[in-house]
Amino acid sequence: MAKLLGTMLSGSVVSLEIFFLTLLFSIPLALPVALARRSRVRLISIPVSFYVLVMRGTPLILQIIFVYFAPYYLLGLSYDRFTAVVLAFVVNYAAYFAEIYRGGIDAVPRGQWEAAKVLGLSRSRTLFSVILPQVVRRILPAASNEVMTLVKDTALAQTIGVAELFRAAQNAAAREFSTLPIFIAGVFYFVMNWLVTVGFDAAERKMSYYKI
């Protein structure tokens, strides 16, 4: 049992690495994507809208396979599986978070922009000082759902052989002829999502307290 738990913990570390690296890169990337999507310049908004459509309209598992194999077949380039997984997750989740950002920005009353303009604030300062603090509070519920989905989606990394939690559970189940490792993996995923929920709930309460 101790050996099984050790194997599962090792797989969990890989899953957490994918999880945190995806958030680290996709959340900042999502903001310029959302702003480009809202742009009135069609040469900017149309390609970005197409990118978002492709990312949201095709399965993540196919995107992982494409990101890993396409550079080799098209350019003769290759790189390690973990990098391919993280890259695929980042470009996928950046599209989803961009739409969450866009919805939050559009939900802020237009009068906020106009009032800031009257006060002499530039458009960029209005965005970062006036609009985004309100957007963050508005998008927390949707963002928490997306982050919880990300926890579970890390299981797709096993598609190209990355030894994350679910792959470790599958290997252990096959080796021991038991479904117990799969059940333990489910508990691990549940605990990780519970921690995500607790974190977002705490953030919402704090923002409510300070009336952000």
N, C-alpha and C. Protein backbone atom coordinates (compact mmCIF):
# COMPACT_ATOMS: atom_id res chain seq x y z
N MET A 1 0.83 -1.20 0.00
CA MET A 1 0.00 0.00 0.00
C MET A 1 0.87 1.26 0.00
N ALA A 2 1.95 1.23 0.80
CA ALA A 2 2.85 2.39 0.86
C ALA A 2 3.49 2.65 -0.51
N LYS A 3 3.86 1.54 -1.19
CA LYS A 3 4.46 1.68 -2.52
C LYS A 3 3.46 2.27 -3.50
N LEU A 4 2.19 1.82 -3.40
CA LEU A 4 1.14 2.33 -4.28
C LEU A 4 0.93 3.82 -4.05
N LEU A 5 0.85 4.23 -2.80
CA LEU A 5 0.65 5.65 -2.49
C LEU A 5 1.84 6.49 -2.96
N GLY A 6 3.05 5.92 -2.85
CA GLY A 6 4.23 6.63 -3.33
C GLY A 6 4.16 6.86 -4.83
N THR A 7 3.72 5.83 -5.55
CA THR A 7 3.56 5.95 -7.01
C THR A 7 2.52 7.01 -7.36
N MET A 8 1.40 7.00 -6.63
CA MET A 8 0.33 7.96 -6.89
C MET A 8 0.78 9.38 -6.57
N LEU A 9 1.56 9.53 -5.51
CA LEU A 9 2.05 10.85 -5.15
C LEU A 9 3.01 11.39 -6.20
N SER A 10 3.83 10.51 -6.75
CA SER A 10 4.75 10.92 -7.83
C SER A 10 3.97 11.39 -9.05
N GLY A 11 2.91 10.65 -9.39
CA GLY A 11 2.05 11.06 -10.49
C GLY A 11 1.34 12.38 -10.19
N SER A 12 0.96 12.58 -8.93
CA SER A 12 0.29 13.81 -8.54
C SER A 12 1.20 15.02 -8.70
N VAL A 13 2.49 14.84 -8.43
CA VAL A 13 3.45 15.93 -8.59
C VAL A 13 3.48 16.40 -10.04
N VAL A 14 3.49 15.45 -10.97
CA VAL A 14 3.50 15.80 -12.40
C VAL A 14 2.20 16.51 -12.76
N SER A 15 1.06 16.01 -12.26
CA SER A 15 -0.22 16.66 -12.53
C SER A 15 -0.23 18.09 -12.00
N LEU A 16 0.32 18.28 -10.80
CA LEU A 16 0.36 19.62 -10.22
C LEU A 16 1.29 20.54 -11.00
N GLU A 17 2.37 20.00 -11.53
CA GLU A 17 3.27 20.81 -12.35
C GLU A 17 2.55 21.29 -13.61
N ILE A 18 1.82 20.40 -14.25
CA ILE A 18 1.04 20.78 -15.44
C ILE A 18 0.01 21.83 -15.05
N PHE A 19 -0.66 21.61 -13.94
CA PHE A 19 -1.71 22.52 -13.46
C PHE A 19 -1.16 23.92 -13.22
N PHE A 20 -0.10 24.04 -12.44
CA PHE A 20 0.41 25.35 -12.07
C PHE A 20 1.08 26.06 -13.25
N LEU A 21 1.79 25.32 -14.09
CA LEU A 21 2.41 25.95 -15.27
C LEU A 21 1.35 26.45 -16.24
N THR A 22 0.26 25.71 -16.38
CA THR A 22 -0.83 26.15 -17.25
C THR A 22 -1.43 27.44 -16.74
N LEU A 23 -1.70 27.52 -15.45
CA LEU A 23 -2.25 28.75 -14.88
C LEU A 23 -1.25 29.90 -14.99
N LEU A 24 0.01 29.61 -14.73
CA LEU A 24 1.04 30.65 -14.73
C LEU A 24 1.13 31.36 -16.08
N PHE A 25 0.98 30.60 -17.17
CA PHE A 25 1.14 31.20 -18.50
C PHE A 25 -0.20 31.55 -19.17
N SER A 26 -1.23 30.76 -18.93
CA SER A 26 -2.49 30.98 -19.66
C SER A 26 -3.28 32.18 -19.13
N ILE A 27 -3.26 32.41 -17.82
CA ILE A 27 -4.04 33.53 -17.27
C ILE A 27 -3.51 34.88 -17.74
N PRO A 28 -2.18 35.14 -17.69
CA PRO A 28 -1.70 36.41 -18.26
C PRO A 28 -1.91 36.50 -19.77
N LEU A 29 -1.72 35.40 -20.49
CA LEU A 29 -1.89 35.41 -21.94
C LEU A 29 -3.34 35.68 -22.33
N ALA A 30 -4.28 35.27 -21.49
CA ALA A 30 -5.70 35.41 -21.82
C ALA A 30 -6.13 36.86 -21.92
N LEU A 31 -5.52 37.75 -21.15
CA LEU A 31 -5.94 39.16 -21.17
C LEU A 31 -5.70 39.82 -22.52
N PRO A 32 -4.47 39.77 -23.08
CA PRO A 32 -4.30 40.36 -24.43
C PRO A 32 -5.16 39.66 -25.48
N VAL A 33 -5.40 38.36 -25.33
CA VAL A 33 -6.28 37.66 -26.26
C VAL A 33 -7.69 38.23 -26.17
N ALA A 34 -8.18 38.45 -24.96
CA ALA A 34 -9.52 39.00 -24.76
C ALA A 34 -9.62 40.41 -25.34
N LEU A 35 -8.59 41.23 -25.11
CA LEU A 35 -8.60 42.60 -25.63
C LEU A 35 -8.53 42.60 -27.16
N ALA A 36 -7.73 41.70 -27.72
CA ALA A 36 -7.65 41.59 -29.18
C ALA A 36 -8.99 41.13 -29.76
N ARG A 37 -9.65 40.23 -29.05
CA ARG A 37 -10.97 39.74 -29.48
C ARG A 37 -11.99 40.86 -29.51
N ARG A 38 -11.85 41.84 -28.62
CA ARG A 38 -12.78 42.96 -28.55
C ARG A 38 -12.38 44.11 -29.47
N SER A 39 -11.22 43.99 -30.09
CA SER A 39 -10.71 45.09 -30.91
C SER A 39 -11.66 45.42 -32.07
N ARG A 40 -11.71 46.70 -32.40
CA ARG A 40 -12.52 47.13 -33.54
C ARG A 40 -11.76 46.97 -34.85
N VAL A 41 -10.47 46.67 -34.76
CA VAL A 41 -9.66 46.43 -35.96
C VAL A 41 -9.85 44.98 -36.37
N ARG A 42 -10.50 44.78 -37.50
CA ARG A 42 -10.88 43.44 -37.91
C ARG A 42 -9.68 42.55 -38.23
N LEU A 43 -8.57 43.17 -38.66
CA LEU A 43 -7.36 42.39 -38.94
C LEU A 43 -6.80 41.77 -37.66
N ILE A 44 -7.18 42.32 -36.52
CA ILE A 44 -6.76 41.76 -35.23
C ILE A 44 -7.83 40.84 -34.67
N SER A 45 -9.07 41.31 -34.66
CA SER A 45 -10.14 40.56 -33.99
C SER A 45 -10.51 39.26 -34.71
N ILE A 46 -10.48 39.26 -36.05
CA ILE A 46 -10.90 38.06 -36.79
C ILE A 46 -9.94 36.89 -36.58
N PRO A 47 -8.60 37.07 -36.75
CA PRO A 47 -7.70 35.93 -36.49
C PRO A 47 -7.77 35.44 -35.04
N VAL A 48 -7.89 36.37 -34.10
CA VAL A 48 -7.96 35.97 -32.69
C VAL A 48 -9.26 35.23 -32.42
N SER A 49 -10.35 35.69 -33.01
CA SER A 49 -11.64 35.00 -32.85
C SER A 49 -11.57 33.59 -33.42
N PHE A 50 -10.85 33.44 -34.54
CA PHE A 50 -10.69 32.11 -35.15
C PHE A 50 -9.88 31.21 -34.23
N TYR A 51 -8.82 31.75 -33.65
CA TYR A 51 -8.00 30.98 -32.70
C TYR A 51 -8.86 30.50 -31.52
N VAL A 52 -9.66 31.39 -30.96
CA VAL A 52 -10.52 31.03 -29.83
C VAL A 52 -11.52 29.96 -30.25
N LEU A 53 -12.07 30.11 -31.46
CA LEU A 53 -13.04 29.13 -31.96
C LEU A 53 -12.40 27.75 -32.11
N VAL A 54 -11.19 27.70 -32.64
CA VAL A 54 -10.51 26.42 -32.83
C VAL A 54 -10.20 25.77 -31.48
N MET A 55 -9.71 26.56 -30.54
CA MET A 55 -9.35 26.02 -29.22
C MET A 55 -10.58 25.51 -28.47
N ARG A 56 -11.68 26.22 -28.59
CA ARG A 56 -12.89 25.83 -27.87
C ARG A 56 -13.71 24.80 -28.64
N GLY A 57 -13.47 24.72 -29.94
CA GLY A 57 -14.30 23.85 -30.78
C GLY A 57 -13.70 22.50 -31.09
N THR A 58 -12.47 22.25 -30.65
CA THR A 58 -11.84 20.95 -30.88
C THR A 58 -11.42 20.35 -29.53
N PRO A 59 -11.38 19.03 -29.43
CA PRO A 59 -11.02 18.39 -28.15
C PRO A 59 -9.58 18.69 -27.75
N LEU A 60 -9.37 18.90 -26.48
CA LEU A 60 -8.02 19.15 -25.96
C LEU A 60 -7.09 17.97 -26.26
N ILE A 61 -7.62 16.77 -26.25
CA ILE A 61 -6.79 15.60 -26.51
C ILE A 61 -6.19 15.65 -27.92
N LEU A 62 -6.96 16.14 -28.90
CA LEU A 62 -6.45 16.29 -30.26
C LEU A 62 -5.41 17.40 -30.33
N GLN A 63 -5.61 18.45 -29.56
CA GLN A 63 -4.66 19.55 -29.54
C GLN A 63 -3.32 19.10 -28.96
N ILE A 64 -3.37 18.26 -27.93
CA ILE A 64 -2.14 17.73 -27.34
C ILE A 64 -1.38 16.90 -28.38
N ILE A 65 -2.09 16.04 -29.07
CA ILE A 65 -1.47 15.20 -30.10
C ILE A 65 -0.87 16.06 -31.21
N PHE A 66 -1.62 17.09 -31.64
CA PHE A 66 -1.15 17.96 -32.71
C PHE A 66 0.11 18.72 -32.29
N VAL A 67 0.09 19.30 -31.10
CA VAL A 67 1.23 20.09 -30.63
C VAL A 67 2.48 19.22 -30.52
N TYR A 68 2.31 17.96 -30.15
CA TYR A 68 3.48 17.09 -29.98
C TYR A 68 4.01 16.56 -31.31
N PHE A 69 3.10 16.14 -32.20
CA PHE A 69 3.54 15.47 -33.43
C PHE A 69 3.70 16.41 -34.62
N ALA A 70 2.92 17.48 -34.70
CA ALA A 70 2.95 18.36 -35.89
C ALA A 70 4.32 18.96 -36.15
N PRO A 71 5.03 19.50 -35.14
CA PRO A 71 6.36 20.08 -35.44
C PRO A 71 7.32 19.08 -36.07
N TYR A 72 7.21 17.80 -35.68
CA TYR A 72 8.12 16.78 -36.24
C TYR A 72 7.78 16.51 -37.70
N TYR A 73 6.50 16.32 -37.99
CA TYR A 73 6.11 15.97 -39.36
C TYR A 73 6.16 17.17 -40.31
N LEU A 74 5.96 18.36 -39.78
CA LEU A 74 5.94 19.55 -40.64
C LEU A 74 7.31 20.21 -40.76
N LEU A 75 8.08 20.22 -39.67
CA LEU A 75 9.35 20.96 -39.65
C LEU A 75 10.55 20.09 -39.29
N GLY A 76 10.30 18.83 -38.94
CA GLY A 76 11.39 17.96 -38.54
C GLY A 76 11.93 18.26 -37.16
N LEU A 77 11.14 18.97 -36.36
CA LEU A 77 11.56 19.34 -35.01
C LEU A 77 10.89 18.43 -33.99
N SER A 78 11.56 18.19 -32.88
CA SER A 78 10.96 17.39 -31.82
C SER A 78 11.35 17.97 -30.46
N TYR A 79 10.51 17.76 -29.49
CA TYR A 79 10.78 18.22 -28.12
C TYR A 79 10.09 17.27 -27.16
N ASP A 80 10.37 17.41 -25.87
CA ASP A 80 9.89 16.41 -24.93
C ASP A 80 8.39 16.49 -24.70
N ARG A 81 7.84 15.40 -24.24
CA ARG A 81 6.39 15.26 -24.09
C ARG A 81 5.81 16.25 -23.08
N PHE A 82 6.51 16.45 -21.97
CA PHE A 82 6.00 17.33 -20.93
C PHE A 82 5.84 18.76 -21.46
N THR A 83 6.84 19.23 -22.21
CA THR A 83 6.76 20.57 -22.81
C THR A 83 5.57 20.67 -23.75
N ALA A 84 5.35 19.63 -24.56
CA ALA A 84 4.24 19.62 -25.50
C ALA A 84 2.91 19.70 -24.76
N VAL A 85 2.78 18.95 -23.68
CA VAL A 85 1.55 18.96 -22.89
C VAL A 85 1.28 20.34 -22.32
N VAL A 86 2.30 20.94 -21.71
CA VAL A 86 2.12 22.26 -21.11
C VAL A 86 1.75 23.29 -22.17
N LEU A 87 2.43 23.25 -23.32
CA LEU A 87 2.13 24.18 -24.40
C LEU A 87 0.69 24.03 -24.88
N ALA A 88 0.26 22.79 -25.07
CA ALA A 88 -1.12 22.55 -25.52
C ALA A 88 -2.12 23.05 -24.49
N PHE A 89 -1.87 22.78 -23.23
CA PHE A 89 -2.77 23.24 -22.17
C PHE A 89 -2.82 24.77 -22.12
N VAL A 90 -1.66 25.41 -22.27
CA VAL A 90 -1.62 26.87 -22.17
C VAL A 90 -2.42 27.52 -23.29
N VAL A 91 -2.20 27.11 -24.54
CA VAL A 91 -2.92 27.75 -25.64
C VAL A 91 -4.42 27.43 -25.59
N ASN A 92 -4.77 26.26 -25.06
CA ASN A 92 -6.18 25.90 -24.92
C ASN A 92 -6.85 26.73 -23.83
N TYR A 93 -6.26 26.74 -22.66
CA TYR A 93 -6.89 27.43 -21.53
C TYR A 93 -6.80 28.95 -21.66
N ALA A 94 -5.81 29.46 -22.39
CA ALA A 94 -5.77 30.90 -22.64
C ALA A 94 -7.01 31.34 -23.40
N ALA A 95 -7.48 30.50 -24.33
CA ALA A 95 -8.69 30.83 -25.08
C ALA A 95 -9.92 30.84 -24.17
N TYR A 96 -10.02 29.86 -23.29
CA TYR A 96 -11.16 29.81 -22.38
C TYR A 96 -11.14 30.97 -21.38
N PHE A 97 -9.98 31.22 -20.80
CA PHE A 97 -9.88 32.34 -19.85
C PHE A 97 -10.10 33.68 -20.56
N ALA A 98 -9.69 33.77 -21.83
CA ALA A 98 -9.92 35.00 -22.58
C ALA A 98 -11.41 35.29 -22.71
N GLU A 99 -12.19 34.26 -22.96
CA GLU A 99 -13.63 34.46 -23.07
C GLU A 99 -14.24 34.84 -21.71
N ILE A 100 -13.68 34.31 -20.64
CA ILE A 100 -14.15 34.70 -19.30
C ILE A 100 -13.81 36.16 -19.05
N TYR A 101 -12.58 36.56 -19.38
CA TYR A 101 -12.19 37.96 -19.26
C TYR A 101 -13.12 38.86 -20.09
N ARG A 102 -13.35 38.46 -21.33
CA ARG A 102 -14.15 39.27 -22.24
C ARG A 102 -15.56 39.47 -21.68
N GLY A 103 -16.14 38.39 -21.17
CA GLY A 103 -17.46 38.51 -20.58
C GLY A 103 -17.46 39.44 -19.37
N GLY A 104 -16.40 39.36 -18.56
CA GLY A 104 -16.31 40.23 -17.40
C GLY A 104 -16.15 41.69 -17.78
N ILE A 105 -15.33 41.95 -18.79
CA ILE A 105 -15.13 43.33 -19.26
C ILE A 105 -16.42 43.89 -19.83
N ASP A 106 -17.11 43.10 -20.64
CA ASP A 106 -18.36 43.56 -21.24
C ASP A 106 -19.46 43.78 -20.21
N ALA A 107 -19.33 43.10 -19.06
CA ALA A 107 -20.36 43.24 -18.02
C ALA A 107 -20.22 44.54 -17.24
N VAL A 108 -19.05 45.17 -17.30
CA VAL A 108 -18.86 46.45 -16.61
C VAL A 108 -19.61 47.53 -17.39
N PRO A 109 -20.46 48.32 -16.74
CA PRO A 109 -21.24 49.34 -17.45
C PRO A 109 -20.37 50.29 -18.28
N ARG A 110 -20.85 50.62 -19.45
CA ARG A 110 -20.11 51.51 -20.34
C ARG A 110 -19.83 52.85 -19.69
N GLY A 111 -20.71 53.26 -18.80
CA GLY A 111 -20.53 54.54 -18.12
C GLY A 111 -19.23 54.64 -17.34
N GLN A 112 -18.70 53.50 -16.90
CA GLN A 112 -17.42 53.50 -16.18
C GLN A 112 -16.29 54.00 -17.08
N TRP A 113 -16.30 53.56 -18.33
CA TRP A 113 -15.29 54.02 -19.29
C TRP A 113 -15.44 55.52 -19.54
N GLU A 114 -16.69 55.95 -19.73
CA GLU A 114 -16.95 57.35 -20.04
C GLU A 114 -16.59 58.26 -18.88
N ALA A 115 -16.90 57.81 -17.66
CA ALA A 115 -16.57 58.61 -16.48
C ALA A 115 -15.06 58.76 -16.33
N ALA A 116 -14.34 57.67 -16.57
CA ALA A 116 -12.88 57.72 -16.48
C ALA A 116 -12.30 58.65 -17.55
N LYS A 117 -12.90 58.65 -18.71
CA LYS A 117 -12.43 59.52 -19.80
C LYS A 117 -12.64 60.98 -19.44
N VAL A 118 -13.79 61.27 -18.82
CA VAL A 118 -14.07 62.64 -18.38
C VAL A 118 -13.04 63.10 -17.34
N LEU A 119 -12.60 62.17 -16.49
CA LEU A 119 -11.62 62.48 -15.46
C LEU A 119 -10.20 62.60 -16.01
N GLY A 120 -10.05 62.32 -17.31
CA GLY A 120 -8.75 62.47 -17.94
C GLY A 120 -7.87 61.24 -17.90
N LEU A 121 -8.43 60.10 -17.52
CA LEU A 121 -7.65 58.87 -17.50
C LEU A 121 -7.48 58.32 -18.90
N SER A 122 -6.31 57.80 -19.19
CA SER A 122 -6.09 57.16 -20.48
C SER A 122 -6.86 55.84 -20.54
N ARG A 123 -7.01 55.31 -21.74
CA ARG A 123 -7.75 54.07 -21.88
C ARG A 123 -7.05 52.91 -21.15
N SER A 124 -5.72 52.86 -21.24
CA SER A 124 -5.00 51.78 -20.58
C SER A 124 -5.09 51.90 -19.06
N ARG A 125 -5.00 53.13 -18.54
CA ARG A 125 -5.10 53.30 -17.09
C ARG A 125 -6.51 52.99 -16.61
N THR A 126 -7.50 53.35 -17.42
CA THR A 126 -8.88 53.03 -17.07
C THR A 126 -9.06 51.52 -16.98
N LEU A 127 -8.47 50.81 -17.95
CA LEU A 127 -8.60 49.36 -17.97
C LEU A 127 -8.00 48.74 -16.71
N PHE A 128 -6.76 49.13 -16.39
CA PHE A 128 -6.06 48.47 -15.29
C PHE A 128 -6.44 48.99 -13.91
N SER A 129 -6.86 50.24 -13.82
CA SER A 129 -7.17 50.82 -12.50
C SER A 129 -8.65 50.80 -12.16
N VAL A 130 -9.49 50.81 -13.17
CA VAL A 130 -10.94 50.92 -12.92
C VAL A 130 -11.68 49.65 -13.32
N ILE A 131 -11.43 49.17 -14.51
CA ILE A 131 -12.22 48.07 -15.06
C ILE A 131 -11.78 46.71 -14.52
N LEU A 132 -10.50 46.40 -14.61
CA LEU A 132 -10.03 45.06 -14.24
C LEU A 132 -10.31 44.68 -12.78
N PRO A 133 -10.15 45.61 -11.81
CA PRO A 133 -10.51 45.21 -10.44
C PRO A 133 -11.96 44.75 -10.31
N GLN A 134 -12.86 45.35 -11.08
CA GLN A 134 -14.25 44.92 -11.07
C GLN A 134 -14.43 43.61 -11.82
N VAL A 135 -13.67 43.46 -12.90
CA VAL A 135 -13.75 42.25 -13.70
C VAL A 135 -13.34 41.03 -12.89
N VAL A 136 -12.25 41.17 -12.12
CA VAL A 136 -11.75 40.04 -11.33
C VAL A 136 -12.83 39.50 -10.41
N ARG A 137 -13.53 40.39 -9.75
CA ARG A 137 -14.59 39.95 -8.83
C ARG A 137 -15.72 39.27 -9.59
N ARG A 138 -16.07 39.79 -10.75
CA ARG A 138 -17.18 39.24 -11.53
C ARG A 138 -16.88 37.86 -12.10
N ILE A 139 -15.61 37.62 -12.44
CA ILE A 139 -15.30 36.38 -13.15
C ILE A 139 -14.87 35.25 -12.24
N LEU A 140 -14.74 35.50 -10.94
CA LEU A 140 -14.24 34.45 -10.04
C LEU A 140 -15.04 33.15 -10.10
N PRO A 141 -16.39 33.19 -10.09
CA PRO A 141 -17.13 31.91 -10.17
C PRO A 141 -16.84 31.13 -11.45
N ALA A 142 -16.83 31.84 -12.59
CA ALA A 142 -16.55 31.16 -13.86
C ALA A 142 -15.11 30.67 -13.92
N ALA A 143 -14.20 31.48 -13.39
CA ALA A 143 -12.79 31.08 -13.39
C ALA A 143 -12.56 29.86 -12.50
N SER A 144 -13.26 29.80 -11.36
CA SER A 144 -13.09 28.65 -10.47
C SER A 144 -13.55 27.37 -11.15
N ASN A 145 -14.65 27.45 -11.92
CA ASN A 145 -15.12 26.27 -12.67
C ASN A 145 -14.08 25.83 -13.68
N GLU A 146 -13.45 26.79 -14.36
CA GLU A 146 -12.45 26.46 -15.37
C GLU A 146 -11.21 25.85 -14.73
N VAL A 147 -10.82 26.36 -13.58
CA VAL A 147 -9.65 25.83 -12.89
C VAL A 147 -9.91 24.41 -12.40
N MET A 148 -11.14 24.15 -11.93
CA MET A 148 -11.49 22.79 -11.52
C MET A 148 -11.47 21.83 -12.71
N THR A 149 -11.91 22.32 -13.85
CA THR A 149 -11.85 21.50 -15.07
C THR A 149 -10.40 21.20 -15.43
N LEU A 150 -9.53 22.18 -15.24
CA LEU A 150 -8.11 21.99 -15.54
C LEU A 150 -7.51 20.87 -14.68
N VAL A 151 -7.89 20.82 -13.41
CA VAL A 151 -7.39 19.76 -12.53
C VAL A 151 -7.69 18.39 -13.14
N LYS A 152 -8.93 18.22 -13.61
CA LYS A 152 -9.32 16.93 -14.18
C LYS A 152 -8.71 16.70 -15.56
N ASP A 153 -8.54 17.78 -16.32
CA ASP A 153 -7.99 17.64 -17.67
C ASP A 153 -6.53 17.22 -17.67
N THR A 154 -5.83 17.41 -16.55
CA THR A 154 -4.42 16.98 -16.51
C THR A 154 -4.29 15.49 -16.81
N ALA A 155 -5.38 14.75 -16.62
CA ALA A 155 -5.37 13.31 -16.92
C ALA A 155 -5.12 13.06 -18.41
N LEU A 156 -5.42 14.05 -19.26
CA LEU A 156 -5.23 13.87 -20.70
C LEU A 156 -3.76 13.86 -21.09
N ALA A 157 -2.89 14.27 -20.19
CA ALA A 157 -1.46 14.27 -20.50
C ALA A 157 -0.95 12.87 -20.80
N GLN A 158 -1.63 11.86 -20.26
CA GLN A 158 -1.21 10.48 -20.50
C GLN A 158 -1.40 10.06 -21.95
N THR A 159 -2.10 10.90 -22.74
CA THR A 159 -2.32 10.60 -24.16
C THR A 159 -1.01 10.41 -24.91
N ILE A 160 0.00 11.22 -24.57
CA ILE A 160 1.29 11.10 -25.26
C ILE A 160 2.37 10.56 -24.31
N GLY A 161 1.92 9.87 -23.26
CA GLY A 161 2.86 9.14 -22.42
C GLY A 161 3.45 9.88 -21.24
N VAL A 162 2.88 11.02 -20.88
CA VAL A 162 3.37 11.73 -19.69
C VAL A 162 2.84 11.01 -18.46
N ALA A 163 3.72 10.68 -17.54
CA ALA A 163 3.34 9.85 -16.39
C ALA A 163 2.73 10.70 -15.27
N GLU A 164 1.53 11.21 -15.51
CA GLU A 164 0.84 11.99 -14.48
C GLU A 164 0.01 11.04 -13.61
N LEU A 165 -0.86 11.61 -12.80
CA LEU A 165 -1.59 10.84 -11.80
C LEU A 165 -2.43 9.71 -12.40
N PHE A 166 -3.21 10.00 -13.43
CA PHE A 166 -4.11 8.99 -13.97
C PHE A 166 -3.34 7.86 -14.64
N ARG A 167 -2.25 8.21 -15.33
CA ARG A 167 -1.45 7.16 -15.97
C ARG A 167 -0.80 6.27 -14.90
N ALA A 168 -0.35 6.89 -13.81
CA ALA A 168 0.22 6.12 -12.71
C ALA A 168 -0.82 5.17 -12.13
N ALA A 169 -2.06 5.65 -12.02
CA ALA A 169 -3.15 4.82 -11.50
C ALA A 169 -3.45 3.66 -12.45
N GLN A 170 -3.48 3.95 -13.76
CA GLN A 170 -3.73 2.89 -14.75
C GLN A 170 -2.64 1.82 -14.71
N ASN A 171 -1.39 2.27 -14.65
CA ASN A 171 -0.28 1.31 -14.60
C ASN A 171 -0.35 0.45 -13.35
N ALA A 172 -0.66 1.09 -12.22
CA ALA A 172 -0.75 0.34 -10.96
C ALA A 172 -1.93 -0.63 -10.99
N ALA A 173 -3.03 -0.21 -11.58
CA ALA A 173 -4.21 -1.08 -11.67
C ALA A 173 -3.92 -2.30 -12.54
N ALA A 174 -3.21 -2.08 -13.65
CA ALA A 174 -2.86 -3.20 -14.53
C ALA A 174 -1.86 -4.14 -13.87
N ARG A 175 -0.94 -3.56 -13.11
CA ARG A 175 0.09 -4.36 -12.46
C ARG A 175 -0.47 -5.21 -11.33
N GLU A 176 -1.44 -4.64 -10.59
CA GLU A 176 -1.97 -5.32 -9.40
C GLU A 176 -3.33 -5.98 -9.65
N PHE A 177 -3.85 -5.85 -10.89
CA PHE A 177 -5.15 -6.42 -11.22
C PHE A 177 -6.22 -5.95 -10.21
N SER A 178 -6.24 -4.65 -9.98
CA SER A 178 -7.15 -4.07 -9.00
C SER A 178 -7.61 -2.70 -9.47
N THR A 179 -8.84 -2.34 -9.11
CA THR A 179 -9.36 -1.00 -9.42
C THR A 179 -9.06 -0.01 -8.30
N LEU A 180 -8.43 -0.48 -7.23
CA LEU A 180 -8.14 0.41 -6.10
C LEU A 180 -7.31 1.63 -6.50
N PRO A 181 -6.26 1.49 -7.34
CA PRO A 181 -5.49 2.68 -7.74
C PRO A 181 -6.35 3.73 -8.44
N ILE A 182 -7.32 3.28 -9.26
CA ILE A 182 -8.20 4.22 -9.93
C ILE A 182 -9.05 4.98 -8.90
N PHE A 183 -9.53 4.27 -7.90
CA PHE A 183 -10.31 4.90 -6.85
C PHE A 183 -9.47 5.91 -6.08
N ILE A 184 -8.22 5.54 -5.78
CA ILE A 184 -7.33 6.45 -5.05
C ILE A 184 -7.06 7.70 -5.89
N ALA A 185 -6.89 7.51 -7.20
CA ALA A 185 -6.67 8.66 -8.09
C ALA A 185 -7.88 9.60 -8.02
N GLY A 186 -9.08 9.01 -7.98
CA GLY A 186 -10.29 9.83 -7.87
C GLY A 186 -10.28 10.65 -6.59
N VAL A 187 -9.82 10.06 -5.50
CA VAL A 187 -9.72 10.79 -4.23
C VAL A 187 -8.72 11.93 -4.35
N PHE A 188 -7.60 11.67 -5.01
CA PHE A 188 -6.59 12.70 -5.20
C PHE A 188 -7.18 13.88 -5.99
N TYR A 189 -7.88 13.59 -7.09
CA TYR A 189 -8.48 14.65 -7.89
C TYR A 189 -9.51 15.43 -7.07
N PHE A 190 -10.29 14.70 -6.27
CA PHE A 190 -11.30 15.35 -5.44
C PHE A 190 -10.66 16.31 -4.45
N VAL A 191 -9.59 15.87 -3.80
CA VAL A 191 -8.91 16.72 -2.82
C VAL A 191 -8.34 17.97 -3.48
N MET A 192 -7.74 17.80 -4.67
CA MET A 192 -7.18 18.96 -5.38
C MET A 192 -8.27 19.96 -5.74
N ASN A 193 -9.42 19.46 -6.21
CA ASN A 193 -10.51 20.35 -6.55
C ASN A 193 -11.14 20.99 -5.32
N TRP A 194 -11.14 20.25 -4.22
CA TRP A 194 -11.64 20.83 -2.97
C TRP A 194 -10.77 22.00 -2.54
N LEU A 195 -9.44 21.86 -2.68
CA LEU A 195 -8.53 22.94 -2.34
C LEU A 195 -8.74 24.15 -3.26
N VAL A 196 -8.99 23.89 -4.53
CA VAL A 196 -9.28 24.97 -5.47
C VAL A 196 -10.54 25.72 -5.04
N THR A 197 -11.58 24.97 -4.67
CA THR A 197 -12.84 25.58 -4.23
C THR A 197 -12.63 26.43 -2.99
N VAL A 198 -11.90 25.89 -2.03
CA VAL A 198 -11.62 26.64 -0.79
C VAL A 198 -10.88 27.94 -1.10
N GLY A 199 -9.90 27.86 -1.98
CA GLY A 199 -9.12 29.04 -2.34
C GLY A 199 -9.96 30.12 -3.00
N PHE A 200 -10.79 29.72 -3.95
CA PHE A 200 -11.64 30.70 -4.63
C PHE A 200 -12.71 31.27 -3.70
N ASP A 201 -13.26 30.45 -2.83
CA ASP A 201 -14.25 30.94 -1.87
C ASP A 201 -13.62 31.98 -0.95
N ALA A 202 -12.39 31.73 -0.53
CA ALA A 202 -11.68 32.68 0.34
C ALA A 202 -11.43 33.99 -0.41
N ALA A 203 -11.05 33.89 -1.69
CA ALA A 203 -10.81 35.08 -2.49
C ALA A 203 -12.09 35.90 -2.66
N GLU A 204 -13.21 35.22 -2.90
CA GLU A 204 -14.48 35.92 -3.05
C GLU A 204 -14.88 36.63 -1.76
N ARG A 205 -14.69 35.96 -0.62
CA ARG A 205 -15.03 36.59 0.66
C ARG A 205 -14.16 37.81 0.93
N LYS A 206 -12.87 37.70 0.59
CA LYS A 206 -11.96 38.82 0.81
C LYS A 206 -12.33 40.00 -0.06
N MET A 207 -12.64 39.75 -1.31
CA MET A 207 -13.03 40.83 -2.20
C MET A 207 -14.34 41.48 -1.77
N SER A 208 -15.25 40.65 -1.29
CA SER A 208 -16.53 41.17 -0.79
C SER A 208 -16.29 42.04 0.43
N TYR A 209 -15.37 41.62 1.30
CA TYR A 209 -15.08 42.37 2.53
C TYR A 209 -14.50 43.74 2.21
N TYR A 210 -13.58 43.78 1.24
CA TYR A 210 -12.96 45.05 0.87
C TYR A 210 -13.73 45.79 -0.21
N LYS A 211 -14.87 45.20 -0.62
CA LYS A 211 -15.75 45.82 -1.62
C LYS A 211 -14.99 46.14 -2.90
N ILE A 212 -14.19 45.17 -3.34
CA ILE A 212 -13.45 45.35 -4.60
C ILE A 212 -14.40 45.17 -5.78
